[in-house]
Amino acid sequence: MIQPTPKANDRLASPGPLLFAFAVLIAGMLPTMLMFALDPNVTTRISLDAVPIPGWVFTAVWLIAYPCMGIATWLVWRQRHRANVSVALAIFLLGFIQTLCFWFTTSVQMTAVLDAMVMLVAYTVAFVYFQFDRRTVFWLLPWLIWMPITFAVKLWVVFAA
């Protein structure tokens, strides 16, 4: 397991964490904004209006989770000169793309299945990232906490119907 050698002024000394945070935020939120612009009734189309969580909560969670995922990814990225991080980054990319596939589902059941898959990949990302830098797990906490919550709520909707 590779451990970083943090320096006292290393936390935000470079623009790297902010760039990664901003890039992941834009890459995550842009498809959402486009989807709502192209299809304002998307939540009704995939039966998400039955989910008892207001839409602004989903937006708020992802506004926090995406930048945190970016910072965790930056912490791994900066280990690239000491170790091969390509598999870790590929696993992250898989999970990130899966979160964006949510808009292509056609029902709340399909969304729940996708949430289950994303949840498994999110925990895999946390495990793999931990091998490079222990701090990544703390940055991934919003994602790791949110995925089981949203999965459980959607399962509740599926089985309550």
Protein backbone atom coordinates (compact mmCIF):
# COMPACT_ATOMS: atom_id res chain seq x y z
CA MET A 1 0.00 0.00 0.00
CA ILE A 2 1.41 3.35 -1.02
CA GLN A 3 1.25 6.07 1.57
CA PRO A 4 1.65 9.71 0.65
CA THR A 5 4.27 11.85 2.24
CA PRO A 6 2.19 14.92 3.00
CA LYS A 7 3.87 18.24 3.56
CA ALA A 8 2.43 20.86 5.86
CA ASN A 9 1.62 23.20 2.99
CA ASP A 10 0.53 20.43 0.59
CA ARG A 11 -3.23 20.50 1.23
CA LEU A 12 -4.33 23.02 -1.38
CA ALA A 13 -0.93 24.29 -2.45
CA SER A 14 -1.63 23.54 -6.08
CA PRO A 15 -4.74 24.16 -8.15
CA GLY A 16 -5.01 20.38 -8.74
CA PRO A 17 -7.74 19.58 -6.21
CA LEU A 18 -9.86 22.52 -7.26
CA LEU A 19 -9.46 21.68 -10.94
CA PHE A 20 -10.41 18.05 -10.38
CA ALA A 21 -13.33 19.06 -8.16
CA PHE A 22 -14.62 21.56 -10.71
CA ALA A 23 -14.12 19.19 -13.67
CA VAL A 24 -16.03 16.34 -12.00
CA LEU A 25 -18.77 18.76 -10.91
CA ILE A 26 -19.22 20.12 -14.44
CA ALA A 27 -19.01 16.65 -16.02
CA GLY A 28 -21.64 15.40 -13.57
CA MET A 29 -24.06 18.32 -13.57
CA LEU A 30 -23.93 19.31 -17.25
CA PRO A 31 -25.77 16.18 -18.47
CA THR A 32 -28.40 16.77 -15.79
CA MET A 33 -28.95 20.36 -16.88
CA LEU A 34 -29.12 19.28 -20.52
CA MET A 35 -31.59 16.51 -19.75
CA PHE A 36 -33.94 18.87 -17.94
CA ALA A 37 -33.58 21.41 -20.74
CA LEU A 38 -34.39 18.81 -23.41
CA ASP A 39 -37.07 16.94 -21.45
CA PRO A 40 -38.60 18.93 -18.56
CA ASN A 41 -40.85 15.96 -17.73
CA VAL A 42 -37.99 13.49 -17.30
CA THR A 43 -38.78 12.80 -13.63
CA THR A 44 -42.38 11.95 -14.51
CA ARG A 45 -41.27 9.84 -17.49
CA ILE A 46 -39.14 7.58 -15.32
CA SER A 47 -41.58 7.68 -12.36
CA LEU A 48 -39.24 9.55 -10.05
CA ASP A 49 -42.05 11.82 -8.96
CA ALA A 50 -43.10 8.86 -6.76
CA VAL A 51 -39.83 9.10 -4.81
CA PRO A 52 -40.55 10.93 -1.53
CA ILE A 53 -37.37 13.01 -1.68
CA PRO A 54 -37.64 16.50 -3.18
CA GLY A 55 -35.61 17.10 -6.33
CA TRP A 56 -33.58 19.86 -4.71
CA VAL A 57 -32.16 17.29 -2.25
CA PHE A 58 -30.79 15.23 -5.13
CA THR A 59 -29.25 18.36 -6.63
CA ALA A 60 -27.72 19.42 -3.30
CA VAL A 61 -26.24 15.98 -2.67
CA TRP A 62 -24.62 15.80 -6.10
CA LEU A 63 -23.34 19.39 -5.79
CA ILE A 64 -21.41 18.10 -2.77
CA ALA A 65 -20.61 14.57 -3.93
CA TYR A 66 -19.17 15.38 -7.36
CA PRO A 67 -16.48 17.83 -6.18
CA CYS A 68 -15.57 15.49 -3.33
CA MET A 69 -15.19 12.66 -5.83
CA GLY A 70 -12.94 14.95 -7.86
CA ILE A 71 -10.69 15.70 -4.89
CA ALA A 72 -10.43 12.00 -4.04
CA THR A 73 -9.50 11.30 -7.64
CA TRP A 74 -6.86 14.04 -7.53
CA LEU A 75 -5.34 12.41 -4.44
CA VAL A 76 -4.98 9.18 -6.41
CA TRP A 77 -3.87 10.97 -9.61
CA ARG A 78 -0.94 12.58 -7.83
CA GLN A 79 0.40 9.10 -7.00
CA ARG A 80 0.80 8.34 -10.74
CA HIS A 81 4.59 8.79 -10.66
CA ARG A 82 5.00 6.28 -7.84
CA ALA A 83 2.43 3.68 -8.84
CA ASN A 84 0.19 2.62 -11.67
CA VAL A 85 -3.12 4.35 -10.96
CA SER A 86 -4.78 3.52 -14.29
CA VAL A 87 -6.93 0.68 -12.93
CA ALA A 88 -8.11 2.79 -9.99
CA LEU A 89 -9.00 5.68 -12.29
CA ALA A 90 -10.75 3.33 -14.74
CA ILE A 91 -12.90 1.91 -11.94
CA PHE A 92 -13.76 5.45 -10.84
CA LEU A 93 -14.63 6.39 -14.42
CA LEU A 94 -16.92 3.35 -14.65
CA GLY A 95 -18.78 4.42 -11.50
CA PHE A 96 -18.93 8.04 -12.60
CA ILE A 97 -20.35 7.11 -16.02
CA GLN A 98 -22.87 4.81 -14.33
CA THR A 99 -24.14 7.74 -12.25
CA LEU A 100 -24.75 9.62 -15.50
CA CYS A 101 -26.61 6.67 -17.08
CA PHE A 102 -29.43 7.37 -14.64
CA TRP A 103 -31.01 9.66 -17.24
CA PHE A 104 -31.33 6.83 -19.74
CA THR A 105 -33.46 4.63 -17.51
CA THR A 106 -37.13 4.19 -18.30
CA SER A 107 -38.59 3.37 -14.88
CA VAL A 108 -37.96 3.67 -11.18
CA GLN A 109 -37.24 -0.09 -11.12
CA MET A 110 -34.47 0.36 -13.65
CA THR A 111 -33.15 3.33 -11.68
CA ALA A 112 -33.04 1.19 -8.52
CA VAL A 113 -31.03 -1.49 -10.33
CA LEU A 114 -28.64 1.17 -11.62
CA ASP A 115 -28.31 2.58 -8.08
CA ALA A 116 -27.39 -0.90 -6.81
CA MET A 117 -24.67 -1.21 -9.45
CA VAL A 118 -23.33 2.30 -8.76
CA MET A 119 -23.31 1.55 -5.05
CA LEU A 120 -21.16 -1.55 -5.60
CA VAL A 121 -18.78 0.36 -7.84
CA ALA A 122 -18.62 3.28 -5.37
CA TYR A 123 -17.51 0.94 -2.57
CA THR A 124 -15.03 -0.69 -4.94
CA VAL A 125 -13.63 2.75 -5.81
CA ALA A 126 -13.27 3.52 -2.10
CA PHE A 127 -11.42 0.25 -1.51
CA VAL A 128 -9.09 0.76 -4.47
CA TYR A 129 -8.48 4.46 -3.76
CA PHE A 130 -7.69 3.61 -0.12
CA GLN A 131 -4.71 1.61 -1.38
CA PHE A 132 -3.20 4.83 -2.72
CA ASP A 133 -4.23 7.38 -0.11
CA ARG A 134 -6.32 6.82 3.00
CA ARG A 135 -7.77 10.34 2.86
CA THR A 136 -9.71 9.47 -0.29
CA VAL A 137 -12.29 7.54 1.71
CA PHE A 138 -13.26 10.69 3.60
CA TRP A 139 -13.68 12.59 0.33
CA LEU A 140 -15.82 9.75 -1.06
CA LEU A 141 -18.14 9.69 1.98
CA PRO A 142 -20.93 11.78 0.38
CA TRP A 143 -21.10 9.29 -2.52
CA LEU A 144 -20.75 6.26 -0.21
CA ILE A 145 -23.51 7.49 2.09
CA TRP A 146 -25.90 8.73 -0.60
CA MET A 147 -25.97 5.66 -2.82
CA PRO A 148 -27.45 3.27 -0.20
CA ILE A 149 -29.98 5.93 0.81
CA THR A 150 -31.23 6.59 -2.71
CA PHE A 151 -31.20 2.86 -3.48
CA ALA A 152 -33.27 2.08 -0.36
CA VAL A 153 -35.79 4.83 -1.11
CA LYS A 154 -36.24 3.65 -4.68
CA LEU A 155 -36.65 0.05 -3.52
CA TRP A 156 -39.28 1.25 -1.10
CA VAL A 157 -41.11 2.97 -3.96
CA VAL A 158 -40.84 -0.13 -6.16
CA PHE A 159 -42.19 -2.51 -3.53
CA ALA A 160 -44.79 -0.10 -2.14
CA ALA A 161 -46.40 0.28 -5.57
